[in-house]
Amino acid sequence: MSLDTELSTKQILNHYLKRWPIETFFRETKRRLGFDKYQIHTIRGIKRYMCLLMLCYLYCELEVQGVSLGFSKGLNHARNEVKRLEITWIYEQAIKEISI
């Protein structure tokens, strides 16, 4: 859908195809990373937060053992890995008799 009546259907479709990954990024970061709930009010803070979101999104999109998981599966994998590392750390501390 476009308000520009000069564009052909093919041109509109080409614009839409370029825009789709951007829309997907914002939808996923709002839904899964809390982008819609941030409360930063300075331009500097917003830029930093946006950079962190993009890095997180990219990390989750990367391949794990040669297989591309996509964002949702990659995010779940990353979260499970963090949990595994936490449990390992707690176990190691308990073995050393270090209180948490």
PDB file of N, CA and C in Angstrom:
ATOM      1  N   MET A   1       0.845  -1.168   0.000  1.00  0.00           N
ATOM      2  CA  MET A   1       0.000   0.000   0.000  1.00  0.00           C
ATOM      3  C   MET A   1       0.892   1.233   0.000  1.00  0.00           C
ATOM      4  N   SER A   2       0.609   2.151  -0.848  1.00  0.00           N
ATOM      5  CA  SER A   2       1.404   3.369  -0.949  1.00  0.00           C
ATOM      6  C   SER A   2       0.517   4.533  -1.355  1.00  0.00           C
ATOM      7  N   LEU A   3       0.846   5.702  -0.820  1.00  0.00           N
ATOM      8  CA  LEU A   3       0.112   6.905  -1.199  1.00  0.00           C
ATOM      9  C   LEU A   3       0.681   7.538  -2.460  1.00  0.00           C
ATOM     10  N   ASP A   4       1.860   7.093  -2.863  1.00  0.00           N
ATOM     11  CA  ASP A   4       2.496   7.616  -4.073  1.00  0.00           C
ATOM     12  C   ASP A   4       1.912   6.901  -5.294  1.00  0.00           C
ATOM     13  N   THR A   5       1.048   7.584  -5.992  1.00  0.00           N
ATOM     14  CA  THR A   5       0.377   6.974  -7.142  1.00  0.00           C
ATOM     15  C   THR A   5       1.295   6.839  -8.347  1.00  0.00           C
ATOM     16  N   GLU A   6       2.474   7.449  -8.295  1.00  0.00           N
ATOM     17  CA  GLU A   6       3.441   7.374  -9.396  1.00  0.00           C
ATOM     18  C   GLU A   6       4.166   6.024  -9.410  1.00  0.00           C
ATOM     19  N   LEU A   7       4.197   5.320  -8.275  1.00  0.00           N
ATOM     20  CA  LEU A   7       4.949   4.066  -8.171  1.00  0.00           C
ATOM     21  C   LEU A   7       4.173   2.906  -8.790  1.00  0.00           C
ATOM     22  N   SER A   8       4.914   2.041  -9.430  1.00  0.00           N
ATOM     23  CA  SER A   8       4.290   0.829  -9.967  1.00  0.00           C
ATOM     24  C   SER A   8       4.189  -0.210  -8.852  1.00  0.00           C
ATOM     25  N   THR A   9       3.430  -1.235  -9.114  1.00  0.00           N
ATOM     26  CA  THR A   9       3.292  -2.321  -8.137  1.00  0.00           C
ATOM     27  C   THR A   9       4.645  -2.945  -7.834  1.00  0.00           C
ATOM     28  N   LYS A  10       5.469  -3.111  -8.845  1.00  0.00           N
ATOM     29  CA  LYS A  10       6.789  -3.709  -8.654  1.00  0.00           C
ATOM     30  C   LYS A  10       7.675  -2.816  -7.777  1.00  0.00           C
ATOM     31  N   GLN A  11       7.616  -1.505  -7.987  1.00  0.00           N
ATOM     32  CA  GLN A  11       8.411  -0.582  -7.175  1.00  0.00           C
ATOM     33  C   GLN A  11       7.966  -0.622  -5.712  1.00  0.00           C
ATOM     34  N   ILE A  12       6.673  -0.657  -5.492  1.00  0.00           N
ATOM     35  CA  ILE A  12       6.147  -0.739  -4.120  1.00  0.00           C
ATOM     36  C   ILE A  12       6.614  -2.029  -3.465  1.00  0.00           C
ATOM     37  N   LEU A  13       6.552  -3.129  -4.200  1.00  0.00           N
ATOM     38  CA  LEU A  13       6.999  -4.412  -3.677  1.00  0.00           C
ATOM     39  C   LEU A  13       8.483  -4.379  -3.346  1.00  0.00           C
ATOM     40  N   ASN A  14       9.303  -3.769  -4.190  1.00  0.00           N
ATOM     41  CA  ASN A  14      10.736  -3.655  -3.922  1.00  0.00           C
ATOM     42  C   ASN A  14      11.007  -2.848  -2.656  1.00  0.00           C
ATOM     43  N   HIS A  15      10.268  -1.752  -2.464  1.00  0.00           N
ATOM     44  CA  HIS A  15      10.412  -0.959  -1.234  1.00  0.00           C
ATOM     45  C   HIS A  15      10.021  -1.795  -0.016  1.00  0.00           C
ATOM     46  N   TYR A  16       8.939  -2.512  -0.139  1.00  0.00           N
ATOM     47  CA  TYR A  16       8.444  -3.340   0.960  1.00  0.00           C
ATOM     48  C   TYR A  16       9.440  -4.443   1.309  1.00  0.00           C
ATOM     49  N   LEU A  17      10.039  -5.059   0.298  1.00  0.00           N
ATOM     50  CA  LEU A  17      11.019  -6.130   0.539  1.00  0.00           C
ATOM     51  C   LEU A  17      12.239  -5.603   1.283  1.00  0.00           C
ATOM     52  N   LYS A  18      12.635  -4.374   1.002  1.00  0.00           N
ATOM     53  CA  LYS A  18      13.773  -3.771   1.716  1.00  0.00           C
ATOM     54  C   LYS A  18      13.381  -3.397   3.147  1.00  0.00           C
ATOM     55  N   ARG A  19      12.145  -3.038   3.342  1.00  0.00           N
ATOM     56  CA  ARG A  19      11.667  -2.599   4.653  1.00  0.00           C
ATOM     57  C   ARG A  19      11.381  -3.773   5.593  1.00  0.00           C
ATOM     58  N   TRP A  20      11.065  -4.934   5.055  1.00  0.00           N
ATOM     59  CA  TRP A  20      10.639  -6.073   5.869  1.00  0.00           C
ATOM     60  C   TRP A  20      11.637  -6.470   6.962  1.00  0.00           C
ATOM     61  N   PRO A  21      12.937  -6.597   6.679  1.00  0.00           N
ATOM     62  CA  PRO A  21      13.878  -6.957   7.751  1.00  0.00           C
ATOM     63  C   PRO A  21      13.904  -5.931   8.893  1.00  0.00           C
ATOM     64  N   ILE A  22      13.691  -4.662   8.559  1.00  0.00           N
ATOM     65  CA  ILE A  22      13.661  -3.614   9.584  1.00  0.00           C
ATOM     66  C   ILE A  22      12.446  -3.813  10.480  1.00  0.00           C
ATOM     67  N   GLU A  23      11.305  -4.058   9.875  1.00  0.00           N
ATOM     68  CA  GLU A  23      10.077  -4.299  10.637  1.00  0.00           C
ATOM     69  C   GLU A  23      10.224  -5.524  11.533  1.00  0.00           C
ATOM     70  N   THR A  24      10.826  -6.578  11.008  1.00  0.00           N
ATOM     71  CA  THR A  24      11.045  -7.797  11.792  1.00  0.00           C
ATOM     72  C   THR A  24      11.945  -7.511  12.985  1.00  0.00           C
ATOM     73  N   PHE A  25      13.022  -6.757  12.761  1.00  0.00           N
ATOM     74  CA  PHE A  25      13.939  -6.404  13.846  1.00  0.00           C
ATOM     75  C   PHE A  25      13.200  -5.677  14.961  1.00  0.00           C
ATOM     76  N   PHE A  26      12.435  -4.642  14.613  1.00  0.00           N
ATOM     77  CA  PHE A  26      11.732  -3.871  15.646  1.00  0.00           C
ATOM     78  C   PHE A  26      10.669  -4.701  16.355  1.00  0.00           C
ATOM     79  N   ARG A  27       9.939  -5.537  15.622  1.00  0.00           N
ATOM     80  CA  ARG A  27       8.926  -6.373  16.257  1.00  0.00           C
ATOM     81  C   ARG A  27       9.557  -7.326  17.264  1.00  0.00           C
ATOM     82  N   GLU A  28      10.637  -7.992  16.858  1.00  0.00           N
ATOM     83  CA  GLU A  28      11.287  -8.955  17.748  1.00  0.00           C
ATOM     84  C   GLU A  28      11.954  -8.282  18.941  1.00  0.00           C
ATOM     85  N   THR A  29      12.585  -7.127  18.734  1.00  0.00           N
ATOM     86  CA  THR A  29      13.233  -6.452  19.861  1.00  0.00           C
ATOM     87  C   THR A  29      12.199  -5.910  20.847  1.00  0.00           C
ATOM     88  N   LYS A  30      11.045  -5.511  20.359  1.00  0.00           N
ATOM     89  CA  LYS A  30       9.980  -5.078  21.266  1.00  0.00           C
ATOM     90  C   LYS A  30       9.397  -6.265  22.016  1.00  0.00           C
ATOM     91  N   ARG A  31       9.114  -7.325  21.300  1.00  0.00           N
ATOM     92  CA  ARG A  31       8.456  -8.484  21.901  1.00  0.00           C
ATOM     93  C   ARG A  31       9.384  -9.289  22.799  1.00  0.00           C
ATOM     94  N   ARG A  32      10.616  -9.514  22.367  1.00  0.00           N
ATOM     95  CA  ARG A  32      11.502 -10.442  23.067  1.00  0.00           C
ATOM     96  C   ARG A  32      12.611  -9.786  23.878  1.00  0.00           C
ATOM     97  N   LEU A  33      12.957  -8.518  23.568  1.00  0.00           N
ATOM     98  CA  LEU A  33      14.067  -7.866  24.268  1.00  0.00           C
ATOM     99  C   LEU A  33      13.641  -6.629  25.052  1.00  0.00           C
ATOM    100  N   GLY A  34      12.364  -6.313  25.070  1.00  0.00           N
ATOM    101  CA  GLY A  34      11.856  -5.209  25.873  1.00  0.00           C
ATOM    102  C   GLY A  34      12.153  -3.819  25.334  1.00  0.00           C
ATOM    103  N   PHE A  35      12.375  -3.702  24.033  1.00  0.00           N
ATOM    104  CA  PHE A  35      12.693  -2.401  23.447  1.00  0.00           C
ATOM    105  C   PHE A  35      11.582  -1.385  23.673  1.00  0.00           C
ATOM    106  N   ASP A  36      10.355  -1.831  23.734  1.00  0.00           N
ATOM    107  CA  ASP A  36       9.234  -0.905  23.923  1.00  0.00           C
ATOM    108  C   ASP A  36       9.071  -0.443  25.371  1.00  0.00           C
ATOM    109  N   LYS A  37       9.862  -0.993  26.289  1.00  0.00           N
ATOM    110  CA  LYS A  37       9.721  -0.629  27.700  1.00  0.00           C
ATOM    111  C   LYS A  37      10.905   0.171  28.249  1.00  0.00           C
ATOM    112  N   TYR A  38      11.896   0.495  27.406  1.00  0.00           N
ATOM    113  CA  TYR A  38      13.060   1.234  27.886  1.00  0.00           C
ATOM    114  C   TYR A  38      12.641   2.636  28.276  1.00  0.00           C
ATOM    115  N   GLN A  39      13.356   3.203  29.251  1.00  0.00           N
ATOM    116  CA  GLN A  39      13.011   4.539  29.735  1.00  0.00           C
ATOM    117  C   GLN A  39      14.241   5.443  29.724  1.00  0.00           C
ATOM    118  N   ILE A  40      14.913   5.478  28.626  1.00  0.00           N
ATOM    119  CA  ILE A  40      16.087   6.325  28.469  1.00  0.00           C
ATOM    120  C   ILE A  40      15.631   7.593  27.762  1.00  0.00           C
ATOM    121  N   HIS A  41      16.101   8.732  28.243  1.00  0.00           N
ATOM    122  CA  HIS A  41      15.590   9.988  27.705  1.00  0.00           C
ATOM    123  C   HIS A  41      16.632  10.815  26.962  1.00  0.00           C
ATOM    124  N   THR A  42      17.893  10.420  27.008  1.00  0.00           N
ATOM    125  CA  THR A  42      18.908  11.190  26.297  1.00  0.00           C
ATOM    126  C   THR A  42      19.220  10.507  24.963  1.00  0.00           C
ATOM    127  N   ILE A  43      19.587  11.295  23.988  1.00  0.00           N
ATOM    128  CA  ILE A  43      19.946  10.754  22.680  1.00  0.00           C
ATOM    129  C   ILE A  43      21.125   9.792  22.824  1.00  0.00           C
ATOM    130  N   ARG A  44      22.087  10.156  23.639  1.00  0.00           N
ATOM    131  CA  ARG A  44      23.263   9.310  23.853  1.00  0.00           C
ATOM    132  C   ARG A  44      22.861   7.947  24.423  1.00  0.00           C
ATOM    133  N   GLY A  45      21.988   7.959  25.414  1.00  0.00           N
ATOM    134  CA  GLY A  45      21.517   6.718  26.026  1.00  0.00           C
ATOM    135  C   GLY A  45      20.719   5.853  25.056  1.00  0.00           C
ATOM    136  N   ILE A  46      19.880   6.508  24.263  1.00  0.00           N
ATOM    137  CA  ILE A  46      19.076   5.781  23.279  1.00  0.00           C
ATOM    138  C   ILE A  46      19.983   5.130  22.235  1.00  0.00           C
ATOM    139  N   LYS A  47      20.995   5.865  21.778  1.00  0.00           N
ATOM    140  CA  LYS A  47      21.927   5.305  20.793  1.00  0.00           C
ATOM    141  C   LYS A  47      22.680   4.111  21.371  1.00  0.00           C
ATOM    142  N   ARG A  48      23.111   4.230  22.627  1.00  0.00           N
ATOM    143  CA  ARG A  48      23.821   3.127  23.268  1.00  0.00           C
ATOM    144  C   ARG A  48      22.915   1.910  23.431  1.00  0.00           C
ATOM    145  N   TYR A  49      21.694   2.141  23.859  1.00  0.00           N
ATOM    146  CA  TYR A  49      20.740   1.046  24.043  1.00  0.00           C
ATOM    147  C   TYR A  49      20.435   0.369  22.706  1.00  0.00           C
ATOM    148  N   MET A  50      20.254   1.190  21.675  1.00  0.00           N
ATOM    149  CA  MET A  50      19.978   0.656  20.345  1.00  0.00           C
ATOM    150  C   MET A  50      21.152  -0.185  19.853  1.00  0.00           C
ATOM    151  N   CYS A  51      22.366   0.265  20.108  1.00  0.00           N
ATOM    152  CA  CYS A  51      23.556  -0.488  19.713  1.00  0.00           C
ATOM    153  C   CYS A  51      23.596  -1.841  20.429  1.00  0.00           C
ATOM    154  N   LEU A  52      23.293  -1.848  21.727  1.00  0.00           N
ATOM    155  CA  LEU A  52      23.264  -3.101  22.480  1.00  0.00           C
ATOM    156  C   LEU A  52      22.184  -4.044  21.947  1.00  0.00           C
ATOM    157  N   LEU A  53      21.023  -3.498  21.622  1.00  0.00           N
ATOM    158  CA  LEU A  53      19.955  -4.326  21.057  1.00  0.00           C
ATOM    159  C   LEU A  53      20.379  -4.940  19.722  1.00  0.00           C
ATOM    160  N   MET A  54      21.026  -4.144  18.888  1.00  0.00           N
ATOM    161  CA  MET A  54      21.462  -4.655  17.585  1.00  0.00           C
ATOM    162  C   MET A  54      22.521  -5.738  17.744  1.00  0.00           C
ATOM    163  N   LEU A  55      23.443  -5.547  18.691  1.00  0.00           N
ATOM    164  CA  LEU A  55      24.457  -6.569  18.941  1.00  0.00           C
ATOM    165  C   LEU A  55      23.827  -7.859  19.457  1.00  0.00           C
ATOM    166  N   CYS A  56      22.877  -7.724  20.364  1.00  0.00           N
ATOM    167  CA  CYS A  56      22.182  -8.893  20.893  1.00  0.00           C
ATOM    168  C   CYS A  56      21.427  -9.614  19.778  1.00  0.00           C
ATOM    169  N   TYR A  57      20.734  -8.858  18.960  1.00  0.00           N
ATOM    170  CA  TYR A  57      19.968  -9.436  17.851  1.00  0.00           C
ATOM    171  C   TYR A  57      20.894 -10.173  16.890  1.00  0.00           C
ATOM    172  N   LEU A  58      22.015  -9.527  16.558  1.00  0.00           N
ATOM    173  CA  LEU A  58      22.985 -10.140  15.649  1.00  0.00           C
ATOM    174  C   LEU A  58      23.568 -11.417  16.247  1.00  0.00           C
ATOM    175  N   TYR A  59      23.911 -11.363  17.525  1.00  0.00           N
ATOM    176  CA  TYR A  59      24.462 -12.541  18.206  1.00  0.00           C
ATOM    177  C   TYR A  59      23.477 -13.715  18.140  1.00  0.00           C
ATOM    178  N   CYS A  60      22.212 -13.426  18.367  1.00  0.00           N
ATOM    179  CA  CYS A  60      21.192 -14.489  18.351  1.00  0.00           C
ATOM    180  C   CYS A  60      20.932 -15.015  16.942  1.00  0.00           C
ATOM    181  N   GLU A  61      21.173 -14.212  15.937  1.00  0.00           N
ATOM    182  CA  GLU A  61      20.987 -14.632  14.548  1.00  0.00           C
ATOM    183  C   GLU A  61      22.163 -15.455  14.028  1.00  0.00           C
ATOM    184  N   LEU A  62      23.317 -15.338  14.678  1.00  0.00           N
ATOM    185  CA  LEU A  62      24.507 -16.035  14.187  1.00  0.00           C
ATOM    186  C   LEU A  62      24.351 -17.540  14.254  1.00  0.00           C
ATOM    187  N   GLU A  63      25.176 -18.205  13.524  1.00  0.00           N
ATOM    188  CA  GLU A  63      25.132 -19.661  13.475  1.00  0.00           C
ATOM    189  C   GLU A  63      25.715 -20.270  14.740  1.00  0.00           C
ATOM    190  N   VAL A  64      25.119 -21.357  15.172  1.00  0.00           N
ATOM    191  CA  VAL A  64      25.627 -22.143  16.289  1.00  0.00           C
ATOM    192  C   VAL A  64      26.021 -23.495  15.714  1.00  0.00           C
ATOM    193  N   GLN A  65      27.279 -23.806  15.785  1.00  0.00           N
ATOM    194  CA  GLN A  65      27.821 -25.060  15.248  1.00  0.00           C
ATOM    195  C   GLN A  65      27.439 -25.239  13.779  1.00  0.00           C
ATOM    196  N   GLY A  66      27.563 -24.158  13.010  1.00  0.00           N
ATOM    197  CA  GLY A  66      27.320 -24.233  11.582  1.00  0.00           C
ATOM    198  C   GLY A  66      25.865 -24.204  11.152  1.00  0.00           C
ATOM    199  N   VAL A  67      24.940 -24.037  12.097  1.00  0.00           N
ATOM    200  CA  VAL A  67      23.506 -24.027  11.777  1.00  0.00           C
ATOM    201  C   VAL A  67      22.923 -22.675  12.162  1.00  0.00           C
ATOM    202  N   SER A  68      22.248 -22.033  11.225  1.00  0.00           N
ATOM    203  CA  SER A  68      21.592 -20.768  11.519  1.00  0.00           C
ATOM    204  C   SER A  68      20.272 -21.057  12.227  1.00  0.00           C
ATOM    205  N   LEU A  69      20.122 -20.539  13.440  1.00  0.00           N
ATOM    206  CA  LEU A  69      18.927 -20.822  14.227  1.00  0.00           C
ATOM    207  C   LEU A  69      17.806 -19.818  13.998  1.00  0.00           C
ATOM    208  N   GLY A  70      18.128 -18.637  13.529  1.00  0.00           N
ATOM    209  CA  GLY A  70      17.142 -17.568  13.478  1.00  0.00           C
ATOM    210  C   GLY A  70      17.097 -16.889  14.832  1.00  0.00           C
ATOM    211  N   PHE A  71      16.439 -15.739  14.909  1.00  0.00           N
ATOM    212  CA  PHE A  71      16.487 -14.946  16.137  1.00  0.00           C
ATOM    213  C   PHE A  71      15.859 -15.647  17.334  1.00  0.00           C
ATOM    214  N   SER A  72      14.637 -16.130  17.206  1.00  0.00           N
ATOM    215  CA  SER A  72      13.936 -16.705  18.364  1.00  0.00           C
ATOM    216  C   SER A  72      14.659 -17.917  18.940  1.00  0.00           C
ATOM    217  N   LYS A  73      15.047 -18.847  18.081  1.00  0.00           N
ATOM    218  CA  LYS A  73      15.764 -20.027  18.565  1.00  0.00           C
ATOM    219  C   LYS A  73      17.143 -19.650  19.082  1.00  0.00           C
ATOM    220  N   GLY A  74      17.794 -18.692  18.415  1.00  0.00           N
ATOM    221  CA  GLY A  74      19.106 -18.228  18.862  1.00  0.00           C
ATOM    222  C   GLY A  74      19.026 -17.568  20.228  1.00  0.00           C
ATOM    223  N   LEU A  75      17.972 -16.789  20.466  1.00  0.00           N
ATOM    224  CA  LEU A  75      17.779 -16.146  21.764  1.00  0.00           C
ATOM    225  C   LEU A  75      17.541 -17.193  22.849  1.00  0.00           C
ATOM    226  N   ASN A  76      16.706 -18.175  22.554  1.00  0.00           N
ATOM    227  CA  ASN A  76      16.476 -19.255  23.524  1.00  0.00           C
ATOM    228  C   ASN A  76      17.764 -20.008  23.822  1.00  0.00           C
ATOM    229  N   HIS A  77      18.551 -20.256  22.784  1.00  0.00           N
ATOM    230  CA  HIS A  77      19.830 -20.944  22.972  1.00  0.00           C
ATOM    231  C   HIS A  77      20.760 -20.116  23.860  1.00  0.00           C
ATOM    232  N   ALA A  78      20.849 -18.811  23.592  1.00  0.00           N
ATOM    233  CA  ALA A  78      21.707 -17.925  24.388  1.00  0.00           C
ATOM    234  C   ALA A  78      21.241 -17.880  25.844  1.00  0.00           C
ATOM    235  N   ARG A  79      19.946 -17.794  26.062  1.00  0.00           N
ATOM    236  CA  ARG A  79      19.423 -17.751  27.442  1.00  0.00           C
ATOM    237  C   ARG A  79      19.692 -19.066  28.171  1.00  0.00           C
ATOM    238  N   ASN A  80      19.537 -20.181  27.476  1.00  0.00           N
ATOM    239  CA  ASN A  80      19.834 -21.478  28.097  1.00  0.00           C
ATOM    240  C   ASN A  80      21.318 -21.611  28.418  1.00  0.00           C
ATOM    241  N   GLU A  81      22.161 -21.089  27.551  1.00  0.00           N
ATOM    242  CA  GLU A  81      23.604 -21.134  27.791  1.00  0.00           C
ATOM    243  C   GLU A  81      23.976 -20.307  29.026  1.00  0.00           C
ATOM    244  N   VAL A  82      23.346 -19.151  29.195  1.00  0.00           N
ATOM    245  CA  VAL A  82      23.596 -18.324  30.377  1.00  0.00           C
ATOM    246  C   VAL A  82      23.173 -19.078  31.638  1.00  0.00           C
ATOM    247  N   LYS A  83      22.029 -19.729  31.598  1.00  0.00           N
ATOM    248  CA  LYS A  83      21.570 -20.513  32.753  1.00  0.00           C
ATOM    249  C   LYS A  83      22.549 -21.637  33.070  1.00  0.00           C
ATOM    250  N   ARG A  84      23.027 -22.314  32.007  1.00  0.00           N
ATOM    251  CA  ARG A  84      23.982 -23.404  32.205  1.00  0.00           C
ATOM    252  C   ARG A  84      25.267 -22.894  32.838  1.00  0.00           C
ATOM    253  N   LEU A  85      25.746 -21.751  32.374  1.00  0.00           N
ATOM    254  CA  LEU A  85      26.964 -21.168  32.936  1.00  0.00           C
ATOM    255  C   LEU A  85      26.768 -20.738  34.388  1.00  0.00           C
ATOM    256  N   GLU A  86      25.605 -20.214  34.721  1.00  0.00           N
ATOM    257  CA  GLU A  86      25.307 -19.836  36.109  1.00  0.00           C
ATOM    258  C   GLU A  86      25.326 -21.055  37.022  1.00  0.00           C
ATOM    259  N   ILE A  87      24.687 -22.115  36.581  1.00  0.00           N
ATOM    260  CA  ILE A  87      24.640 -23.341  37.394  1.00  0.00           C
ATOM    261  C   ILE A  87      26.041 -23.920  37.555  1.00  0.00           C
ATOM    262  N   THR A  88      26.824 -23.905  36.486  1.00  0.00           N
ATOM    263  CA  THR A  88      28.201 -24.389  36.563  1.00  0.00           C
ATOM    264  C   THR A  88      29.003 -23.564  37.558  1.00  0.00           C
ATOM    265  N   TRP A  89      28.847 -22.240  37.510  1.00  0.00           N
ATOM    266  CA  TRP A  89      29.573 -21.358  38.423  1.00  0.00           C
ATOM    267  C   TRP A  89      29.165 -21.633  39.878  1.00  0.00           C
ATOM    268  N   ILE A  90      27.873 -21.772  40.127  1.00  0.00           N
ATOM    269  CA  ILE A  90      27.393 -22.058  41.483  1.00  0.00           C
ATOM    270  C   ILE A  90      27.962 -23.386  41.970  1.00  0.00           C
ATOM    271  N   TYR A  91      27.953 -24.385  41.115  1.00  0.00           N
ATOM    272  CA  TYR A  91      28.502 -25.691  41.472  1.00  0.00           C
ATOM    273  C   TYR A  91      29.986 -25.581  41.811  1.00  0.00           C
ATOM    274  N   GLU A  92      30.738 -24.866  40.987  1.00  0.00           N
ATOM    275  CA  GLU A  92      32.174 -24.704  41.240  1.00  0.00           C
ATOM    276  C   GLU A  92      32.434 -23.968  42.553  1.00  0.00           C
ATOM    277  N   GLN A  93      31.606 -22.970  42.854  1.00  0.00           N
ATOM    278  CA  GLN A  93      31.760 -22.248  44.119  1.00  0.00           C
ATOM    279  C   GLN A  93      31.457 -23.142  45.297  1.00  0.00           C
ATOM    280  N   ALA A  94      30.447 -23.998  45.141  1.00  0.00           N
ATOM    281  CA  ALA A  94      30.092 -24.925  46.228  1.00  0.00           C
ATOM    282  C   ALA A  94      31.214 -25.930  46.452  1.00  0.00           C
ATOM    283  N   ILE A  95      31.829 -26.416  45.398  1.00  0.00           N
ATOM    284  CA  ILE A  95      32.943 -27.359  45.510  1.00  0.00           C
ATOM    285  C   ILE A  95      34.111 -26.722  46.267  1.00  0.00           C
ATOM    286  N   LYS A  96      34.350 -25.429  46.014  1.00  0.00           N
ATOM    287  CA  LYS A  96      35.440 -24.708  46.683  1.00  0.00           C
ATOM    288  C   LYS A  96      35.040 -24.230  48.080  1.00  0.00           C
ATOM    289  N   GLU A  97      33.791 -24.545  48.464  1.00  0.00           N
ATOM    290  CA  GLU A  97      33.225 -24.130  49.753  1.00  0.00           C
ATOM    291  C   GLU A  97      33.207 -22.613  49.922  1.00  0.00           C
ATOM    292  N   ILE A  98      32.918 -21.933  48.840  1.00  0.00           N
ATOM    293  CA  ILE A  98      32.774 -20.477  48.855  1.00  0.00           C
ATOM    294  C   ILE A  98      31.284 -20.188  48.927  1.00  0.00           C
ATOM    295  N   SER A  99      30.895 -19.382  49.904  1.00  0.00           N
ATOM    296  CA  SER A  99      29.470 -19.090  50.034  1.00  0.00           C
ATOM    297  C   SER A  99      29.031 -18.099  48.955  1.00  0.00           C
ATOM    298  N   ILE A 100      27.818 -18.264  48.563  1.00  0.00           N
ATOM    299  CA  ILE A 100      27.278 -17.393  47.523  1.00  0.00           C
ATOM    300  C   ILE A 100      26.687 -16.178  48.188  1.00  0.00           C
TER     301      ILE A 100
END
